PDB file of N, CA and C in Angstrom:
ATOM      1  N   UNK A   1     -23.487 -28.502 -47.390  1.00  0.00           N
ATOM      2  CA  UNK A   1     -23.884 -29.379 -48.474  1.00  0.00           C
ATOM      3  C   UNK A   1     -23.662 -30.824 -48.036  1.00  0.00           C
ATOM      4  N   UNK A   2     -24.601 -31.680 -48.396  1.00  0.00           N
ATOM      5  CA  UNK A   2     -24.510 -33.090 -48.029  1.00  0.00           C
ATOM      6  C   UNK A   2     -23.490 -33.832 -48.870  1.00  0.00           C
ATOM      7  N   UNK A   3     -23.099 -34.979 -48.368  1.00  0.00           N
ATOM      8  CA  UNK A   3     -22.148 -35.810 -49.107  1.00  0.00           C
ATOM      9  C   UNK A   3     -22.890 -36.623 -50.160  1.00  0.00           C
ATOM     10  N   UNK A   4     -22.230 -36.837 -51.267  1.00  0.00           N
ATOM     11  CA  UNK A   4     -22.823 -37.682 -52.307  1.00  0.00           C
ATOM     12  C   UNK A   4     -22.791 -39.125 -51.834  1.00  0.00           C
ATOM     13  N   UNK A   5     -23.877 -39.793 -52.036  1.00  0.00           N
ATOM     14  CA  UNK A   5     -23.987 -41.185 -51.628  1.00  0.00           C
ATOM     15  C   UNK A   5     -23.547 -42.083 -52.777  1.00  0.00           C
ATOM     16  N   UNK A   6     -22.792 -43.111 -52.457  1.00  0.00           N
ATOM     17  CA  UNK A   6     -22.404 -44.088 -53.461  1.00  0.00           C
ATOM     18  C   UNK A   6     -23.570 -45.065 -53.613  1.00  0.00           C
ATOM     19  N   UNK A   7     -24.278 -44.938 -54.720  1.00  0.00           N
ATOM     20  CA  UNK A   7     -25.488 -45.730 -54.948  1.00  0.00           C
ATOM     21  C   UNK A   7     -25.176 -47.229 -54.968  1.00  0.00           C
ATOM     22  N   UNK A   8     -24.065 -47.589 -55.594  1.00  0.00           N
ATOM     23  CA  UNK A   8     -23.714 -49.014 -55.657  1.00  0.00           C
ATOM     24  C   UNK A   8     -23.512 -49.589 -54.259  1.00  0.00           C
ATOM     25  N   UNK A   9     -22.833 -48.848 -53.391  1.00  0.00           N
ATOM     26  CA  UNK A   9     -22.633 -49.319 -52.015  1.00  0.00           C
ATOM     27  C   UNK A   9     -23.968 -49.443 -51.283  1.00  0.00           C
ATOM     28  N   UNK A  10     -24.846 -48.483 -51.506  1.00  0.00           N
ATOM     29  CA  UNK A  10     -26.158 -48.513 -50.838  1.00  0.00           C
ATOM     30  C   UNK A  10     -26.979 -49.723 -51.309  1.00  0.00           C
ATOM     31  N   UNK A  11     -27.001 -49.959 -52.616  1.00  0.00           N
ATOM     32  CA  UNK A  11     -27.737 -51.119 -53.132  1.00  0.00           C
ATOM     33  C   UNK A  11     -27.135 -52.406 -52.585  1.00  0.00           C
ATOM     34  N   UNK A  12     -25.802 -52.456 -52.516  1.00  0.00           N
ATOM     35  CA  UNK A  12     -25.128 -53.658 -52.011  1.00  0.00           C
ATOM     36  C   UNK A  12     -25.522 -53.933 -50.560  1.00  0.00           C
ATOM     37  N   UNK A  13     -25.663 -52.879 -49.771  1.00  0.00           N
ATOM     38  CA  UNK A  13     -26.063 -53.051 -48.372  1.00  0.00           C
ATOM     39  C   UNK A  13     -27.509 -53.517 -48.264  1.00  0.00           C
ATOM     40  N   UNK A  14     -28.370 -52.966 -49.110  1.00  0.00           N
ATOM     41  CA  UNK A  14     -29.797 -53.288 -49.039  1.00  0.00           C
ATOM     42  C   UNK A  14     -30.090 -54.667 -49.632  1.00  0.00           C
ATOM     43  N   UNK A  15     -29.571 -54.902 -50.843  1.00  0.00           N
ATOM     44  CA  UNK A  15     -29.871 -56.158 -51.528  1.00  0.00           C
ATOM     45  C   UNK A  15     -28.742 -56.477 -52.507  1.00  0.00           C
ATOM     46  N   UNK A  16     -27.763 -57.259 -52.087  1.00  0.00           N
ATOM     47  CA  UNK A  16     -26.636 -57.573 -52.959  1.00  0.00           C
ATOM     48  C   UNK A  16     -27.056 -58.254 -54.268  1.00  0.00           C
ATOM     49  N   UNK A  17     -28.127 -59.013 -54.215  1.00  0.00           N
ATOM     50  CA  UNK A  17     -28.605 -59.689 -55.433  1.00  0.00           C
ATOM     51  C   UNK A  17     -29.103 -58.676 -56.474  1.00  0.00           C
ATOM     52  N   UNK A  18     -29.709 -57.600 -56.003  1.00  0.00           N
ATOM     53  CA  UNK A  18     -30.181 -56.552 -56.918  1.00  0.00           C
ATOM     54  C   UNK A  18     -29.000 -55.915 -57.645  1.00  0.00           C
ATOM     55  N   UNK A  19     -27.897 -55.734 -56.951  1.00  0.00           N
ATOM     56  CA  UNK A  19     -26.708 -55.170 -57.589  1.00  0.00           C
ATOM     57  C   UNK A  19     -26.182 -56.117 -58.662  1.00  0.00           C
ATOM     58  N   UNK A  20     -26.229 -57.413 -58.373  1.00  0.00           N
ATOM     59  CA  UNK A  20     -25.789 -58.405 -59.350  1.00  0.00           C
ATOM     60  C   UNK A  20     -26.667 -58.337 -60.608  1.00  0.00           C
ATOM     61  N   UNK A  21     -27.974 -58.213 -60.416  1.00  0.00           N
ATOM     62  CA  UNK A  21     -28.890 -58.123 -61.553  1.00  0.00           C
ATOM     63  C   UNK A  21     -28.615 -56.849 -62.355  1.00  0.00           C
ATOM     64  N   UNK A  22     -28.397 -55.734 -61.670  1.00  0.00           N
ATOM     65  CA  UNK A  22     -28.073 -54.473 -62.364  1.00  0.00           C
ATOM     66  C   UNK A  22     -26.794 -54.622 -63.182  1.00  0.00           C
ATOM     67  N   UNK A  23     -25.798 -55.271 -62.627  1.00  0.00           N
ATOM     68  CA  UNK A  23     -24.543 -55.485 -63.348  1.00  0.00           C
ATOM     69  C   UNK A  23     -24.752 -56.372 -64.575  1.00  0.00           C
ATOM     70  N   UNK A  24     -25.603 -57.391 -64.447  1.00  0.00           N
ATOM     71  CA  UNK A  24     -25.887 -58.262 -65.589  1.00  0.00           C
ATOM     72  C   UNK A  24     -26.601 -57.491 -66.692  1.00  0.00           C
ATOM     73  N   UNK A  25     -27.545 -56.651 -66.319  1.00  0.00           N
ATOM     74  CA  UNK A  25     -28.253 -55.840 -67.312  1.00  0.00           C
ATOM     75  C   UNK A  25     -27.277 -54.893 -68.001  1.00  0.00           C
ATOM     76  N   UNK A  26     -26.399 -54.259 -67.233  1.00  0.00           N
ATOM     77  CA  UNK A  26     -25.403 -53.365 -67.823  1.00  0.00           C
ATOM     78  C   UNK A  26     -24.520 -54.098 -68.825  1.00  0.00           C
ATOM     79  N   UNK A  27     -24.101 -55.321 -68.483  1.00  0.00           N
ATOM     80  CA  UNK A  27     -23.226 -56.061 -69.393  1.00  0.00           C
ATOM     81  C   UNK A  27     -23.973 -56.467 -70.659  1.00  0.00           C
ATOM     82  N   UNK A  28     -25.273 -56.766 -70.535  1.00  0.00           N
ATOM     83  CA  UNK A  28     -26.063 -57.109 -71.715  1.00  0.00           C
ATOM     84  C   UNK A  28     -26.286 -55.893 -72.612  1.00  0.00           C
ATOM     85  N   UNK A  29     -26.397 -54.722 -72.013  1.00  0.00           N
ATOM     86  CA  UNK A  29     -26.662 -53.510 -72.783  1.00  0.00           C
ATOM     87  C   UNK A  29     -25.427 -53.002 -73.526  1.00  0.00           C
ATOM     88  N   UNK A  30     -24.250 -53.396 -73.071  1.00  0.00           N
ATOM     89  CA  UNK A  30     -23.044 -52.963 -73.779  1.00  0.00           C
ATOM     90  C   UNK A  30     -23.054 -53.571 -75.173  1.00  0.00           C
ATOM     91  N   UNK A  31     -22.820 -52.760 -76.147  1.00  0.00           N
ATOM     92  CA  UNK A  31     -22.807 -53.237 -77.517  1.00  0.00           C
ATOM     93  C   UNK A  31     -24.178 -53.273 -78.159  1.00  0.00           C
ATOM     94  N   UNK A  32     -25.179 -52.800 -77.423  1.00  0.00           N
ATOM     95  CA  UNK A  32     -26.505 -52.770 -78.031  1.00  0.00           C
ATOM     96  C   UNK A  32     -26.710 -51.449 -78.758  1.00  0.00           C
ATOM     97  N   UNK A  33     -27.696 -51.434 -79.590  1.00  0.00           N
ATOM     98  CA  UNK A  33     -28.013 -50.251 -80.380  1.00  0.00           C
ATOM     99  C   UNK A  33     -29.307 -49.668 -79.844  1.00  0.00           C
ATOM    100  N   UNK A  34     -29.339 -48.365 -79.658  1.00  0.00           N
ATOM    101  CA  UNK A  34     -30.527 -47.710 -79.133  1.00  0.00           C
ATOM    102  C   UNK A  34     -31.545 -47.404 -80.215  1.00  0.00           C
ATOM    103  N   UNK A  35     -32.168 -48.420 -80.754  1.00  0.00           N
ATOM    104  CA  UNK A  35     -33.209 -48.240 -81.761  1.00  0.00           C
ATOM    105  C   UNK A  35     -34.437 -49.046 -81.357  1.00  0.00           C
ATOM    106  N   UNK A  36     -35.570 -48.649 -81.897  1.00  0.00           N
ATOM    107  CA  UNK A  36     -36.807 -49.372 -81.642  1.00  0.00           C
ATOM    108  C   UNK A  36     -37.255 -50.035 -82.935  1.00  0.00           C
ATOM    109  N   UNK A  37     -37.506 -51.323 -82.835  1.00  0.00           N
ATOM    110  CA  UNK A  37     -38.002 -52.075 -83.981  1.00  0.00           C
ATOM    111  C   UNK A  37     -39.366 -52.618 -83.584  1.00  0.00           C
ATOM    112  N   UNK A  38     -40.359 -52.383 -84.440  1.00  0.00           N
ATOM    113  CA  UNK A  38     -41.724 -52.807 -84.132  1.00  0.00           C
ATOM    114  C   UNK A  38     -42.160 -53.936 -85.059  1.00  0.00           C
ATOM    115  N   UNK A  39     -43.254 -54.574 -84.687  1.00  0.00           N
ATOM    116  CA  UNK A  39     -43.746 -55.725 -85.447  1.00  0.00           C
ATOM    117  C   UNK A  39     -44.167 -55.362 -86.861  1.00  0.00           C
ATOM    118  N   UNK A  40     -44.609 -54.133 -87.068  1.00  0.00           N
ATOM    119  CA  UNK A  40     -45.117 -53.755 -88.380  1.00  0.00           C
ATOM    120  C   UNK A  40     -44.028 -53.298 -89.354  1.00  0.00           C
ATOM    121  N   UNK A  41     -42.777 -53.361 -88.927  1.00  0.00           N
ATOM    122  CA  UNK A  41     -41.673 -52.960 -89.807  1.00  0.00           C
ATOM    123  C   UNK A  41     -41.301 -54.107 -90.739  1.00  0.00           C
ATOM    124  N   UNK A  42     -40.956 -53.739 -91.962  1.00  0.00           N
ATOM    125  CA  UNK A  42     -40.457 -54.739 -92.898  1.00  0.00           C
ATOM    126  C   UNK A  42     -39.010 -55.048 -92.537  1.00  0.00           C
ATOM    127  N   UNK A  43     -38.466 -56.160 -93.015  1.00  0.00           N
ATOM    128  CA  UNK A  43     -37.058 -56.461 -92.744  1.00  0.00           C
ATOM    129  C   UNK A  43     -36.123 -55.333 -93.208  1.00  0.00           C
ATOM    130  N   UNK A  44     -36.455 -54.690 -94.314  1.00  0.00           N
ATOM    131  CA  UNK A  44     -35.618 -53.595 -94.812  1.00  0.00           C
ATOM    132  C   UNK A  44     -35.671 -52.400 -93.859  1.00  0.00           C
ATOM    133  N   UNK A  45     -36.859 -52.109 -93.314  1.00  0.00           N
ATOM    134  CA  UNK A  45     -36.997 -51.005 -92.362  1.00  0.00           C
ATOM    135  C   UNK A  45     -36.235 -51.308 -91.077  1.00  0.00           C
ATOM    136  N   UNK A  46     -36.304 -52.553 -90.629  1.00  0.00           N
ATOM    137  CA  UNK A  46     -35.559 -52.956 -89.437  1.00  0.00           C
ATOM    138  C   UNK A  46     -34.063 -52.749 -89.653  1.00  0.00           C
ATOM    139  N   UNK A  47     -33.600 -53.195 -90.799  1.00  0.00           N
ATOM    140  CA  UNK A  47     -32.173 -53.081 -91.109  1.00  0.00           C
ATOM    141  C   UNK A  47     -31.745 -51.616 -91.191  1.00  0.00           C
ATOM    142  N   UNK A  48     -32.585 -50.782 -91.776  1.00  0.00           N
ATOM    143  CA  UNK A  48     -32.256 -49.355 -91.882  1.00  0.00           C
ATOM    144  C   UNK A  48     -32.231 -48.692 -90.501  1.00  0.00           C
ATOM    145  N   UNK A  49     -33.138 -49.100 -89.602  1.00  0.00           N
ATOM    146  CA  UNK A  49     -33.137 -48.557 -88.249  1.00  0.00           C
ATOM    147  C   UNK A  49     -31.847 -48.945 -87.524  1.00  0.00           C
ATOM    148  N   UNK A  50     -31.459 -50.202 -87.666  1.00  0.00           N
ATOM    149  CA  UNK A  50     -30.208 -50.659 -87.055  1.00  0.00           C
ATOM    150  C   UNK A  50     -29.009 -49.933 -87.659  1.00  0.00           C
ATOM    151  N   UNK A  51     -29.011 -49.798 -88.973  1.00  0.00           N
ATOM    152  CA  UNK A  51     -27.928 -49.091 -89.676  1.00  0.00           C
ATOM    153  C   UNK A  51     -27.797 -47.667 -89.137  1.00  0.00           C
ATOM    154  N   UNK A  52     -28.923 -46.973 -89.004  1.00  0.00           N
ATOM    155  CA  UNK A  52     -28.899 -45.608 -88.471  1.00  0.00           C
ATOM    156  C   UNK A  52     -28.372 -45.567 -87.048  1.00  0.00           C
ATOM    157  N   UNK A  53     -28.749 -46.558 -86.246  1.00  0.00           N
ATOM    158  CA  UNK A  53     -28.255 -46.615 -84.869  1.00  0.00           C
ATOM    159  C   UNK A  53     -26.754 -46.813 -84.804  1.00  0.00           C
ATOM    160  N   UNK A  54     -26.240 -47.690 -85.646  1.00  0.00           N
ATOM    161  CA  UNK A  54     -24.794 -47.912 -85.668  1.00  0.00           C
ATOM    162  C   UNK A  54     -24.050 -46.675 -86.173  1.00  0.00           C
ATOM    163  N   UNK A  55     -24.622 -45.979 -87.145  1.00  0.00           N
ATOM    164  CA  UNK A  55     -23.995 -44.737 -87.619  1.00  0.00           C
ATOM    165  C   UNK A  55     -23.943 -43.704 -86.498  1.00  0.00           C
ATOM    166  N   UNK A  56     -25.026 -43.585 -85.732  1.00  0.00           N
ATOM    167  CA  UNK A  56     -25.067 -42.631 -84.613  1.00  0.00           C
ATOM    168  C   UNK A  56     -24.027 -42.965 -83.558  1.00  0.00           C
ATOM    169  N   UNK A  57     -23.712 -44.254 -83.423  1.00  0.00           N
ATOM    170  CA  UNK A  57     -22.698 -44.662 -82.450  1.00  0.00           C
ATOM    171  C   UNK A  57     -21.285 -44.437 -82.963  1.00  0.00           C
ATOM    172  N   UNK A  58     -21.151 -44.024 -84.234  1.00  0.00           N
ATOM    173  CA  UNK A  58     -19.836 -43.677 -84.755  1.00  0.00           C
ATOM    174  C   UNK A  58     -19.186 -44.717 -85.636  1.00  0.00           C
ATOM    175  N   UNK A  59     -19.913 -45.762 -85.983  1.00  0.00           N
ATOM    176  CA  UNK A  59     -19.337 -46.773 -86.871  1.00  0.00           C
ATOM    177  C   UNK A  59     -19.264 -46.226 -88.300  1.00  0.00           C
ATOM    178  N   UNK A  60     -18.233 -46.594 -89.049  1.00  0.00           N
ATOM    179  CA  UNK A  60     -18.168 -46.221 -90.458  1.00  0.00           C
ATOM    180  C   UNK A  60     -19.315 -46.888 -91.225  1.00  0.00           C
ATOM    181  N   UNK A  61     -19.771 -46.300 -92.317  1.00  0.00           N
ATOM    182  CA  UNK A  61     -20.912 -46.847 -93.060  1.00  0.00           C
ATOM    183  C   UNK A  61     -20.784 -48.316 -93.439  1.00  0.00           C
ATOM    184  N   UNK A  62     -19.602 -48.757 -93.850  1.00  0.00           N
ATOM    185  CA  UNK A  62     -19.425 -50.150 -94.270  1.00  0.00           C
ATOM    186  C   UNK A  62     -19.659 -51.108 -93.106  1.00  0.00           C
ATOM    187  N   UNK A  63     -19.093 -50.765 -91.953  1.00  0.00           N
ATOM    188  CA  UNK A  63     -19.227 -51.623 -90.778  1.00  0.00           C
ATOM    189  C   UNK A  63     -20.655 -51.560 -90.244  1.00  0.00           C
ATOM    190  N   UNK A  64     -21.258 -50.376 -90.267  1.00  0.00           N
ATOM    191  CA  UNK A  64     -22.637 -50.224 -89.805  1.00  0.00           C
ATOM    192  C   UNK A  64     -23.574 -51.079 -90.648  1.00  0.00           C
ATOM    193  N   UNK A  65     -23.358 -51.106 -91.942  1.00  0.00           N
ATOM    194  CA  UNK A  65     -24.199 -51.918 -92.820  1.00  0.00           C
ATOM    195  C   UNK A  65     -24.049 -53.406 -92.511  1.00  0.00           C
ATOM    196  N   UNK A  66     -22.801 -53.833 -92.337  1.00  0.00           N
ATOM    197  CA  UNK A  66     -22.534 -55.243 -92.042  1.00  0.00           C
ATOM    198  C   UNK A  66     -23.154 -55.652 -90.704  1.00  0.00           C
ATOM    199  N   UNK A  67     -22.975 -54.805 -89.663  1.00  0.00           N
ATOM    200  CA  UNK A  67     -23.523 -55.109 -88.348  1.00  0.00           C
ATOM    201  C   UNK A  67     -25.052 -55.112 -88.368  1.00  0.00           C
ATOM    202  N   UNK A  68     -25.652 -54.201 -89.117  1.00  0.00           N
ATOM    203  CA  UNK A  68     -27.109 -54.136 -89.197  1.00  0.00           C
ATOM    204  C   UNK A  68     -27.668 -55.431 -89.792  1.00  0.00           C
ATOM    205  N   UNK A  69     -27.023 -55.929 -90.831  1.00  0.00           N
ATOM    206  CA  UNK A  69     -27.472 -57.184 -91.445  1.00  0.00           C
ATOM    207  C   UNK A  69     -27.343 -58.338 -90.454  1.00  0.00           C
ATOM    208  N   UNK A  70     -26.209 -58.391 -89.763  1.00  0.00           N
ATOM    209  CA  UNK A  70     -25.981 -59.463 -88.791  1.00  0.00           C
ATOM    210  C   UNK A  70     -27.006 -59.410 -87.659  1.00  0.00           C
ATOM    211  N   UNK A  71     -27.262 -58.228 -87.111  1.00  0.00           N
ATOM    212  CA  UNK A  71     -28.188 -58.090 -85.998  1.00  0.00           C
ATOM    213  C   UNK A  71     -29.605 -58.447 -86.425  1.00  0.00           C
ATOM    214  N   UNK A  72     -30.017 -58.040 -87.613  1.00  0.00           N
ATOM    215  CA  UNK A  72     -31.360 -58.357 -88.078  1.00  0.00           C
ATOM    216  C   UNK A  72     -31.517 -59.857 -88.267  1.00  0.00           C
ATOM    217  N   UNK A  73     -30.495 -60.505 -88.801  1.00  0.00           N
ATOM    218  CA  UNK A  73     -30.547 -61.952 -88.985  1.00  0.00           C
ATOM    219  C   UNK A  73     -30.620 -62.675 -87.639  1.00  0.00           C
ATOM    220  N   UNK A  74     -29.853 -62.198 -86.660  1.00  0.00           N
ATOM    221  CA  UNK A  74     -29.887 -62.814 -85.328  1.00  0.00           C
ATOM    222  C   UNK A  74     -31.267 -62.642 -84.698  1.00  0.00           C
ATOM    223  N   UNK A  75     -31.823 -61.445 -84.817  1.00  0.00           N
ATOM    224  CA  UNK A  75     -33.149 -61.191 -84.258  1.00  0.00           C
ATOM    225  C   UNK A  75     -34.189 -62.075 -84.927  1.00  0.00           C
ATOM    226  N   UNK A  76     -34.069 -62.259 -86.223  1.00  0.00           N
ATOM    227  CA  UNK A  76     -35.006 -63.107 -86.956  1.00  0.00           C
ATOM    228  C   UNK A  76     -34.926 -64.538 -86.445  1.00  0.00           C
ATOM    229  N   UNK A  77     -33.717 -65.017 -86.191  1.00  0.00           N
ATOM    230  CA  UNK A  77     -33.531 -66.370 -85.677  1.00  0.00           C
ATOM    231  C   UNK A  77     -34.105 -66.529 -84.272  1.00  0.00           C
ATOM    232  N   UNK A  78     -33.934 -65.492 -83.446  1.00  0.00           N
ATOM    233  CA  UNK A  78     -34.389 -65.566 -82.055  1.00  0.00           C
ATOM    234  C   UNK A  78     -35.895 -65.447 -81.903  1.00  0.00           C
ATOM    235  N   UNK A  79     -36.515 -64.589 -82.693  1.00  0.00           N
ATOM    236  CA  UNK A  79     -37.913 -64.227 -82.437  1.00  0.00           C
ATOM    237  C   UNK A  79     -38.901 -64.794 -83.446  1.00  0.00           C
ATOM    238  N   UNK A  80     -38.452 -65.563 -84.395  1.00  0.00           N
ATOM    239  CA  UNK A  80     -39.410 -66.099 -85.365  1.00  0.00           C
ATOM    240  C   UNK A  80     -39.316 -67.591 -85.472  1.00  0.00           C
TER     241      UNK A  80
END
């Protein structure tokens, strides 16, 4: 059986900058919610999608509701 290759070491040898970009993407993804929000959704639908995502991640309902409102407001500020 072959040895497992350390992917991070291999990427570092090939292109150290690519590893830096991967690390930056990983750090940005931490704390994100795995939901899809589309242009045709109403603000209430967006908030409910975020709320459901936070619940799936294990947040209590009160905190999930608060975070969903905050995230929707931030997205509104950024994209509109």
